[in-house]
Amino acid sequence: MPHHFTKSTVSATFWCRPCGKPTEHLVQDGRCGACKVCLARLEAEAEKRKEKPPAAVQLGMFGGSQ
């Protein structure tokens, strides 16, 4: 059965399938939204992807650096 909330409700606890436990979810337009734990994890992964990898080391013809 879907849950409906008032427009002033900001968050509520629901079961999260990816987390495998009850977690706090956002409530948007009176309906259950995204899991706050999953959102934080996705944002951390996006920040990690944005980090620039170190420059590659140029090797010589036979593996030694020049």
C-alpha atoms as a PDB file:
ATOM      1  CA  MET A   1       0.000   0.000   0.000  1.00  0.00           C
ATOM      2  CA  PRO A   2       1.561   3.341  -0.980  1.00  0.00           C
ATOM      3  CA  HIS A   3       2.092   5.941   1.696  1.00  0.00           C
ATOM      4  CA  HIS A   4       0.961   9.512   1.204  1.00  0.00           C
ATOM      5  CA  PHE A   5       2.077  12.387   3.366  1.00  0.00           C
ATOM      6  CA  THR A   6       1.163  16.020   3.824  1.00  0.00           C
ATOM      7  CA  LYS A   7       3.038  18.587   1.730  1.00  0.00           C
ATOM      8  CA  SER A   8       4.944  19.741   4.817  1.00  0.00           C
ATOM      9  CA  THR A   9       6.498  16.298   5.477  1.00  0.00           C
ATOM     10  CA  VAL A  10      10.220  16.335   4.640  1.00  0.00           C
ATOM     11  CA  SER A  11      11.431  12.810   5.471  1.00  0.00           C
ATOM     12  CA  ALA A  12      10.243   9.445   6.777  1.00  0.00           C
ATOM     13  CA  THR A  13      11.691   6.013   7.487  1.00  0.00           C
ATOM     14  CA  PHE A  14      11.102   3.260   4.901  1.00  0.00           C
ATOM     15  CA  TRP A  15      12.686  -0.054   3.957  1.00  0.00           C
ATOM     16  CA  CYS A  16      15.455   0.467   1.382  1.00  0.00           C
ATOM     17  CA  ARG A  17      16.135  -2.498  -0.899  1.00  0.00           C
ATOM     18  CA  PRO A  18      19.738  -1.511  -1.827  1.00  0.00           C
ATOM     19  CA  CYS A  19      20.650  -0.839   1.823  1.00  0.00           C
ATOM     20  CA  GLY A  20      18.716  -3.866   3.100  1.00  0.00           C
ATOM     21  CA  LYS A  21      17.398  -2.020   6.153  1.00  0.00           C
ATOM     22  CA  PRO A  22      14.988   0.727   7.147  1.00  0.00           C
ATOM     23  CA  THR A  23      16.546   4.111   6.353  1.00  0.00           C
ATOM     24  CA  GLU A  24      15.446   7.723   6.197  1.00  0.00           C
ATOM     25  CA  HIS A  25      13.986   8.705   2.827  1.00  0.00           C
ATOM     26  CA  LEU A  26      13.076  12.071   1.388  1.00  0.00           C
ATOM     27  CA  VAL A  27       9.384  12.797   0.947  1.00  0.00           C
ATOM     28  CA  GLN A  28       8.609  14.710  -2.237  1.00  0.00           C
ATOM     29  CA  ASP A  29       5.141  15.897  -3.203  1.00  0.00           C
ATOM     30  CA  GLY A  30       3.616  13.759  -0.454  1.00  0.00           C
ATOM     31  CA  ARG A  31       5.271  10.528  -1.661  1.00  0.00           C
ATOM     32  CA  CYS A  32       8.334   8.553  -0.663  1.00  0.00           C
ATOM     33  CA  GLY A  33      11.472   9.744  -2.459  1.00  0.00           C
ATOM     34  CA  ALA A  34      15.123   8.723  -2.499  1.00  0.00           C
ATOM     35  CA  CYS A  35      17.022   7.115   0.373  1.00  0.00           C
ATOM     36  CA  LYS A  36      19.331   9.634   2.065  1.00  0.00           C
ATOM     37  CA  VAL A  37      22.032   6.976   2.652  1.00  0.00           C
ATOM     38  CA  CYS A  38      22.002   5.932  -1.021  1.00  0.00           C
ATOM     39  CA  LEU A  39      22.098   9.583  -2.138  1.00  0.00           C
ATOM     40  CA  ALA A  40      25.136  10.254   0.050  1.00  0.00           C
ATOM     41  CA  ARG A  41      26.873   7.166  -1.338  1.00  0.00           C
ATOM     42  CA  LEU A  42      26.135   8.200  -4.944  1.00  0.00           C
ATOM     43  CA  GLU A  43      27.404  11.739  -4.318  1.00  0.00           C
ATOM     44  CA  ALA A  44      30.629  10.378  -2.784  1.00  0.00           C
ATOM     45  CA  GLU A  45      31.157   8.118  -5.806  1.00  0.00           C
ATOM     46  CA  ALA A  46      30.563  11.058  -8.171  1.00  0.00           C
ATOM     47  CA  GLU A  47      33.121  13.183  -6.299  1.00  0.00           C
ATOM     48  CA  LYS A  48      35.618  10.331  -6.467  1.00  0.00           C
ATOM     49  CA  ARG A  49      35.112  10.059 -10.241  1.00  0.00           C
ATOM     50  CA  LYS A  50      35.666  13.811 -10.616  1.00  0.00           C
ATOM     51  CA  GLU A  51      39.119  13.591  -9.044  1.00  0.00           C
ATOM     52  CA  LYS A  52      41.786  13.807 -11.707  1.00  0.00           C
ATOM     53  CA  PRO A  53      44.051  10.733 -11.869  1.00  0.00           C
ATOM     54  CA  PRO A  54      47.804  11.378 -11.558  1.00  0.00           C
ATOM     55  CA  ALA A  55      49.696  11.990 -14.798  1.00  0.00           C
ATOM     56  CA  ALA A  56      51.119   8.886 -16.426  1.00  0.00           C
ATOM     57  CA  VAL A  57      54.878   8.390 -16.254  1.00  0.00           C
ATOM     58  CA  GLN A  58      56.498   8.382 -19.677  1.00  0.00           C
ATOM     59  CA  LEU A  59      58.711   5.322 -20.025  1.00  0.00           C
ATOM     60  CA  GLY A  60      61.628   4.927 -22.406  1.00  0.00           C
ATOM     61  CA  MET A  61      61.787   2.406 -25.221  1.00  0.00           C
ATOM     62  CA  PHE A  62      62.765  -0.495 -22.945  1.00  0.00           C
ATOM     63  CA  GLY A  63      60.875   0.407 -19.796  1.00  0.00           C
ATOM     64  CA  GLY A  64      63.454   2.676 -18.200  1.00  0.00           C
ATOM     65  CA  SER A  65      62.771   6.342 -17.602  1.00  0.00           C
ATOM     66  CA  GLN A  66      64.944   8.865 -19.373  1.00  0.00           C
END
